[in-house]
C-alpha atoms as a PDB file:
ATOM      1  CA  UNK A   1      20.353 -48.166 102.727  1.00  0.00           C
ATOM      2  CA  UNK A   2      19.146 -46.792  99.402  1.00  0.00           C
ATOM      3  CA  UNK A   3      20.030 -43.328  98.202  1.00  0.00           C
ATOM      4  CA  UNK A   4      17.279 -40.711  97.925  1.00  0.00           C
ATOM      5  CA  UNK A   5      15.250 -40.644  94.745  1.00  0.00           C
ATOM      6  CA  UNK A   6      13.609 -37.494  93.412  1.00  0.00           C
ATOM      7  CA  UNK A   7      10.821 -37.300  90.875  1.00  0.00           C
ATOM      8  CA  UNK A   8      10.644 -34.164  88.762  1.00  0.00           C
ATOM      9  CA  UNK A   9       7.605 -33.431  86.605  1.00  0.00           C
ATOM     10  CA  UNK A  10       7.771 -30.362  84.362  1.00  0.00           C
ATOM     11  CA  UNK A  11       7.334 -29.124  80.801  1.00  0.00           C
ATOM     12  CA  UNK A  12       9.931 -30.867  78.624  1.00  0.00           C
ATOM     13  CA  UNK A  13      11.806 -27.670  77.708  1.00  0.00           C
ATOM     14  CA  UNK A  14      12.217 -26.716  81.403  1.00  0.00           C
ATOM     15  CA  UNK A  15      13.316 -30.102  82.758  1.00  0.00           C
ATOM     16  CA  UNK A  16      17.125 -29.569  82.424  1.00  0.00           C
ATOM     17  CA  UNK A  17      17.103 -26.153  84.132  1.00  0.00           C
ATOM     18  CA  UNK A  18      14.786 -27.279  86.926  1.00  0.00           C
ATOM     19  CA  UNK A  19      16.865 -30.414  87.476  1.00  0.00           C
ATOM     20  CA  UNK A  20      19.955 -28.220  87.967  1.00  0.00           C
ATOM     21  CA  UNK A  21      18.088 -25.859  90.317  1.00  0.00           C
ATOM     22  CA  UNK A  22      16.753 -28.701  92.458  1.00  0.00           C
ATOM     23  CA  UNK A  23      20.280 -29.360  93.720  1.00  0.00           C
ATOM     24  CA  UNK A  24      19.429 -32.788  95.013  1.00  0.00           C
ATOM     25  CA  UNK A  25      21.758 -35.552  96.093  1.00  0.00           C
ATOM     26  CA  UNK A  26      20.638 -38.880  94.734  1.00  0.00           C
ATOM     27  CA  UNK A  27      18.822 -40.257  91.750  1.00  0.00           C
ATOM     28  CA  UNK A  28      16.558 -37.864  89.808  1.00  0.00           C
ATOM     29  CA  UNK A  29      13.788 -39.253  87.621  1.00  0.00           C
ATOM     30  CA  UNK A  30      12.368 -36.755  85.143  1.00  0.00           C
ATOM     31  CA  UNK A  31       8.962 -36.825  83.487  1.00  0.00           C
ATOM     32  CA  UNK A  32       7.314 -34.456  81.056  1.00  0.00           C
ATOM     33  CA  UNK A  33       4.209 -32.795  82.476  1.00  0.00           C
ATOM     34  CA  UNK A  34       2.173 -34.738  79.929  1.00  0.00           C
ATOM     35  CA  UNK A  35       3.463 -37.950  81.582  1.00  0.00           C
ATOM     36  CA  UNK A  36       2.381 -37.157  85.157  1.00  0.00           C
ATOM     37  CA  UNK A  37       0.409 -40.403  85.347  1.00  0.00           C
ATOM     38  CA  UNK A  38       3.523 -42.382  84.377  1.00  0.00           C
ATOM     39  CA  UNK A  39       5.445 -40.519  87.094  1.00  0.00           C
ATOM     40  CA  UNK A  40       2.861 -41.556  89.671  1.00  0.00           C
ATOM     41  CA  UNK A  41       2.970 -45.165  88.455  1.00  0.00           C
ATOM     42  CA  UNK A  42       6.769 -45.138  88.803  1.00  0.00           C
ATOM     43  CA  UNK A  43       6.508 -43.831  92.359  1.00  0.00           C
ATOM     44  CA  UNK A  44       4.008 -46.557  93.249  1.00  0.00           C
ATOM     45  CA  UNK A  45       6.145 -49.291  91.659  1.00  0.00           C
ATOM     46  CA  UNK A  46       9.255 -48.181  93.526  1.00  0.00           C
ATOM     47  CA  UNK A  47       7.310 -48.160  96.797  1.00  0.00           C
ATOM     48  CA  UNK A  48       8.625 -45.255  98.882  1.00  0.00           C
ATOM     49  CA  UNK A  49       9.562 -46.332 102.390  1.00  0.00           C
ATOM     50  CA  UNK A  50       7.532 -43.476 103.847  1.00  0.00           C
ATOM     51  CA  UNK A  51       3.835 -42.901 103.334  1.00  0.00           C
ATOM     52  CA  UNK A  52       3.081 -40.332 100.643  1.00  0.00           C
ATOM     53  CA  UNK A  53       1.887 -37.888 103.290  1.00  0.00           C
ATOM     54  CA  UNK A  54       5.362 -38.035 104.858  1.00  0.00           C
ATOM     55  CA  UNK A  55       7.244 -37.236 101.650  1.00  0.00           C
ATOM     56  CA  UNK A  56       8.734 -33.856 100.929  1.00  0.00           C
ATOM     57  CA  UNK A  57       7.184 -32.028  97.987  1.00  0.00           C
ATOM     58  CA  UNK A  58       8.935 -29.225  96.123  1.00  0.00           C
ATOM     59  CA  UNK A  59       7.017 -26.984  93.763  1.00  0.00           C
ATOM     60  CA  UNK A  60       9.248 -25.002  91.427  1.00  0.00           C
ATOM     61  CA  UNK A  61       8.595 -22.429  88.730  1.00  0.00           C
ATOM     62  CA  UNK A  62      11.126 -21.741  86.008  1.00  0.00           C
ATOM     63  CA  UNK A  63      11.305 -18.022  86.817  1.00  0.00           C
ATOM     64  CA  UNK A  64      11.179 -17.919  90.643  1.00  0.00           C
ATOM     65  CA  UNK A  65      12.293 -19.649  93.792  1.00  0.00           C
ATOM     66  CA  UNK A  66      10.856 -22.982  94.662  1.00  0.00           C
ATOM     67  CA  UNK A  67       8.421 -23.712  97.439  1.00  0.00           C
ATOM     68  CA  UNK A  68       9.384 -26.528  99.767  1.00  0.00           C
ATOM     69  CA  UNK A  69       6.618 -28.402 101.536  1.00  0.00           C
ATOM     70  CA  UNK A  70       7.881 -30.501 104.422  1.00  0.00           C
ATOM     71  CA  UNK A  71       5.277 -32.745 106.026  1.00  0.00           C
ATOM     72  CA  UNK A  72       4.247 -32.062 109.588  1.00  0.00           C
ATOM     73  CA  UNK A  73       4.238 -34.797 112.148  1.00  0.00           C
ATOM     74  CA  UNK A  74       0.868 -36.441 112.317  1.00  0.00           C
ATOM     75  CA  UNK A  75      -1.118 -35.628 115.446  1.00  0.00           C
ATOM     76  CA  UNK A  76      -1.585 -38.549 117.800  1.00  0.00           C
ATOM     77  CA  UNK A  77      -4.561 -40.582 116.662  1.00  0.00           C
ATOM     78  CA  UNK A  78      -7.550 -40.847 118.938  1.00  0.00           C
ATOM     79  CA  UNK A  79      -8.597 -44.410 119.557  1.00  0.00           C
ATOM     80  CA  UNK A  80     -11.151 -45.562 117.031  1.00  0.00           C
ATOM     81  CA  UNK A  81     -14.700 -45.959 118.287  1.00  0.00           C
ATOM     82  CA  UNK A  82     -15.029 -49.085 116.145  1.00  0.00           C
ATOM     83  CA  UNK A  83     -12.806 -51.194 113.897  1.00  0.00           C
ATOM     84  CA  UNK A  84     -13.392 -48.823 110.981  1.00  0.00           C
ATOM     85  CA  UNK A  85     -13.202 -45.598 112.994  1.00  0.00           C
ATOM     86  CA  UNK A  86     -16.559 -44.467 111.659  1.00  0.00           C
ATOM     87  CA  UNK A  87     -18.812 -44.202 114.691  1.00  0.00           C
ATOM     88  CA  UNK A  88     -19.876 -40.881 116.173  1.00  0.00           C
ATOM     89  CA  UNK A  89     -20.113 -42.396 119.658  1.00  0.00           C
ATOM     90  CA  UNK A  90     -18.995 -45.571 121.393  1.00  0.00           C
ATOM     91  CA  UNK A  91     -21.521 -48.394 121.221  1.00  0.00           C
ATOM     92  CA  UNK A  92     -21.981 -50.975 123.934  1.00  0.00           C
ATOM     93  CA  UNK A  93     -23.284 -54.532 123.617  1.00  0.00           C
ATOM     94  CA  UNK A  94     -26.533 -55.092 125.502  1.00  0.00           C
ATOM     95  CA  UNK A  95     -27.375 -58.050 127.698  1.00  0.00           C
ATOM     96  CA  UNK A  96     -29.313 -60.736 125.817  1.00  0.00           C
ATOM     97  CA  UNK A  97     -33.003 -59.985 125.287  1.00  0.00           C
ATOM     98  CA  UNK A  98     -32.794 -56.278 126.157  1.00  0.00           C
ATOM     99  CA  UNK A  99     -36.019 -55.017 124.637  1.00  0.00           C
ATOM    100  CA  UNK A 100     -36.961 -51.882 122.717  1.00  0.00           C
ATOM    101  CA  UNK A 101     -40.235 -50.827 121.152  1.00  0.00           C
ATOM    102  CA  UNK A 102     -40.054 -49.635 117.536  1.00  0.00           C
ATOM    103  CA  UNK A 103     -43.264 -48.143 116.128  1.00  0.00           C
ATOM    104  CA  UNK A 104     -45.250 -50.025 118.821  1.00  0.00           C
ATOM    105  CA  UNK A 105     -43.640 -53.358 117.841  1.00  0.00           C
ATOM    106  CA  UNK A 106     -41.197 -55.302 120.056  1.00  0.00           C
ATOM    107  CA  UNK A 107     -37.538 -55.500 119.142  1.00  0.00           C
ATOM    108  CA  UNK A 108     -34.261 -56.610 120.678  1.00  0.00           C
ATOM    109  CA  UNK A 109     -31.382 -54.204 121.306  1.00  0.00           C
ATOM    110  CA  UNK A 110     -28.044 -55.593 120.142  1.00  0.00           C
ATOM    111  CA  UNK A 111     -25.917 -52.556 120.925  1.00  0.00           C
ATOM    112  CA  UNK A 112     -26.584 -48.986 122.045  1.00  0.00           C
ATOM    113  CA  UNK A 113     -24.968 -45.554 122.155  1.00  0.00           C
ATOM    114  CA  UNK A 114     -26.414 -42.155 122.945  1.00  0.00           C
ATOM    115  CA  UNK A 115     -26.842 -41.449 119.190  1.00  0.00           C
ATOM    116  CA  UNK A 116     -27.928 -44.794 117.786  1.00  0.00           C
ATOM    117  CA  UNK A 117     -28.510 -48.498 118.158  1.00  0.00           C
ATOM    118  CA  UNK A 118     -28.557 -51.812 116.379  1.00  0.00           C
ATOM    119  CA  UNK A 119     -31.840 -53.693 116.723  1.00  0.00           C
ATOM    120  CA  UNK A 120     -33.418 -56.938 115.588  1.00  0.00           C
ATOM    121  CA  UNK A 121     -37.145 -56.892 114.770  1.00  0.00           C
ATOM    122  CA  UNK A 122     -39.645 -59.195 113.090  1.00  0.00           C
ATOM    123  CA  UNK A 123     -41.310 -56.430 111.053  1.00  0.00           C
ATOM    124  CA  UNK A 124     -39.648 -54.958 107.960  1.00  0.00           C
ATOM    125  CA  UNK A 125     -37.841 -51.641 108.313  1.00  0.00           C
ATOM    126  CA  UNK A 126     -36.543 -49.585 105.393  1.00  0.00           C
ATOM    127  CA  UNK A 127     -33.590 -47.182 105.195  1.00  0.00           C
ATOM    128  CA  UNK A 128     -34.586 -43.548 105.903  1.00  0.00           C
ATOM    129  CA  UNK A 129     -37.863 -44.683 107.488  1.00  0.00           C
ATOM    130  CA  UNK A 130     -38.915 -42.407 110.369  1.00  0.00           C
ATOM    131  CA  UNK A 131     -39.773 -44.333 113.515  1.00  0.00           C
ATOM    132  CA  UNK A 132     -40.728 -43.824 117.145  1.00  0.00           C
ATOM    133  CA  UNK A 133     -38.605 -45.737 119.601  1.00  0.00           C
ATOM    134  CA  UNK A 134     -39.005 -46.481 123.294  1.00  0.00           C
ATOM    135  CA  UNK A 135     -36.558 -47.967 125.759  1.00  0.00           C
ATOM    136  CA  UNK A 136     -38.303 -49.109 128.959  1.00  0.00           C
ATOM    137  CA  UNK A 137     -37.345 -51.061 132.014  1.00  0.00           C
ATOM    138  CA  UNK A 138     -38.241 -51.140 135.705  1.00  0.00           C
ATOM    139  CA  UNK A 139     -36.546 -47.736 136.258  1.00  0.00           C
ATOM    140  CA  UNK A 140     -38.294 -45.721 133.598  1.00  0.00           C
ATOM    141  CA  UNK A 141     -39.022 -45.035 129.964  1.00  0.00           C
ATOM    142  CA  UNK A 142     -37.084 -43.155 127.256  1.00  0.00           C
ATOM    143  CA  UNK A 143     -39.214 -42.205 124.242  1.00  0.00           C
ATOM    144  CA  UNK A 144     -37.839 -40.458 121.120  1.00  0.00           C
ATOM    145  CA  UNK A 145     -37.932 -40.127 117.336  1.00  0.00           C
ATOM    146  CA  UNK A 146     -35.371 -41.880 115.170  1.00  0.00           C
ATOM    147  CA  UNK A 147     -34.666 -42.973 111.612  1.00  0.00           C
ATOM    148  CA  UNK A 148     -33.468 -46.214 110.058  1.00  0.00           C
ATOM    149  CA  UNK A 149     -29.892 -45.947 108.728  1.00  0.00           C
ATOM    150  CA  UNK A 150     -29.613 -49.443 107.234  1.00  0.00           C
ATOM    151  CA  UNK A 151     -31.370 -52.816 107.272  1.00  0.00           C
ATOM    152  CA  UNK A 152     -30.522 -56.425 106.553  1.00  0.00           C
ATOM    153  CA  UNK A 153     -32.911 -59.358 106.113  1.00  0.00           C
ATOM    154  CA  UNK A 154     -31.836 -62.523 107.969  1.00  0.00           C
ATOM    155  CA  UNK A 155     -33.103 -66.098 107.798  1.00  0.00           C
ATOM    156  CA  UNK A 156     -32.263 -68.203 110.839  1.00  0.00           C
ATOM    157  CA  UNK A 157     -31.496 -71.923 110.877  1.00  0.00           C
ATOM    158  CA  UNK A 158     -34.914 -72.458 112.475  1.00  0.00           C
ATOM    159  CA  UNK A 159     -36.524 -71.135 109.289  1.00  0.00           C
ATOM    160  CA  UNK A 160     -37.748 -67.919 110.881  1.00  0.00           C
ATOM    161  CA  UNK A 161     -36.777 -64.565 109.460  1.00  0.00           C
ATOM    162  CA  UNK A 162     -36.047 -61.179 110.993  1.00  0.00           C
ATOM    163  CA  UNK A 163     -34.661 -57.766 110.175  1.00  0.00           C
ATOM    164  CA  UNK A 164     -31.488 -56.318 111.654  1.00  0.00           C
ATOM    165  CA  UNK A 165     -31.308 -52.510 111.494  1.00  0.00           C
ATOM    166  CA  UNK A 166     -29.106 -49.580 112.402  1.00  0.00           C
ATOM    167  CA  UNK A 167     -31.035 -46.747 114.028  1.00  0.00           C
ATOM    168  CA  UNK A 168     -30.073 -43.044 114.237  1.00  0.00           C
ATOM    169  CA  UNK A 169     -31.593 -41.210 117.195  1.00  0.00           C
ATOM    170  CA  UNK A 170     -32.988 -37.764 116.412  1.00  0.00           C
ATOM    171  CA  UNK A 171     -34.192 -36.241 119.672  1.00  0.00           C
ATOM    172  CA  UNK A 172     -33.254 -38.787 122.334  1.00  0.00           C
ATOM    173  CA  UNK A 173     -32.140 -37.490 125.726  1.00  0.00           C
ATOM    174  CA  UNK A 174     -28.471 -38.602 125.844  1.00  0.00           C
ATOM    175  CA  UNK A 175     -28.418 -38.675 129.651  1.00  0.00           C
ATOM    176  CA  UNK A 176     -31.457 -40.978 129.803  1.00  0.00           C
ATOM    177  CA  UNK A 177     -30.118 -43.196 126.987  1.00  0.00           C
ATOM    178  CA  UNK A 178     -26.706 -43.457 128.697  1.00  0.00           C
ATOM    179  CA  UNK A 179     -28.395 -44.399 131.987  1.00  0.00           C
ATOM    180  CA  UNK A 180     -30.458 -47.106 130.234  1.00  0.00           C
ATOM    181  CA  UNK A 181     -27.281 -48.335 128.535  1.00  0.00           C
ATOM    182  CA  UNK A 182     -25.423 -48.533 131.853  1.00  0.00           C
ATOM    183  CA  UNK A 183     -28.243 -50.645 133.365  1.00  0.00           C
ATOM    184  CA  UNK A 184     -28.319 -53.145 130.458  1.00  0.00           C
ATOM    185  CA  UNK A 185     -24.738 -53.225 129.233  1.00  0.00           C
ATOM    186  CA  UNK A 186     -23.303 -56.717 128.714  1.00  0.00           C
END
């Protein structure tokens, strides 16, 4: 097990006094305040065993007591809604050929949540474009306004092309969208 290592960054003339006041057991590395970047590089090269957010930080002034900042335990993480943890709501894959109507043109729903969807359409869509969207099946119809978050042009092996797009719902009824999702979820 390695002994603790402390990094002290301060004005050059105050380093000796602050090093004495720190009262640490273990190795102490000192850096002039003008060399703070070098201090950070040294920390990164030595690879602390703990994450930086778990390290103890002490802030000292030459003419007062020091402030000790001890990290709090991290709260338990909620499960991510996607692999990147960036979604506002869980999305569900749709059964193949689940249809949507985007600006009166047919499209295929790839996945759906109560705040957005991924669709494939044959007509071009552009980011930030305002659209009208309709989800209909034998049970009913859900009509709402939405906007295009992102698009990607795709060329298939058959030589045909299409657009894949992420859609943000603006005024969709979440209860109706969730019910549609439940009926067509893969």
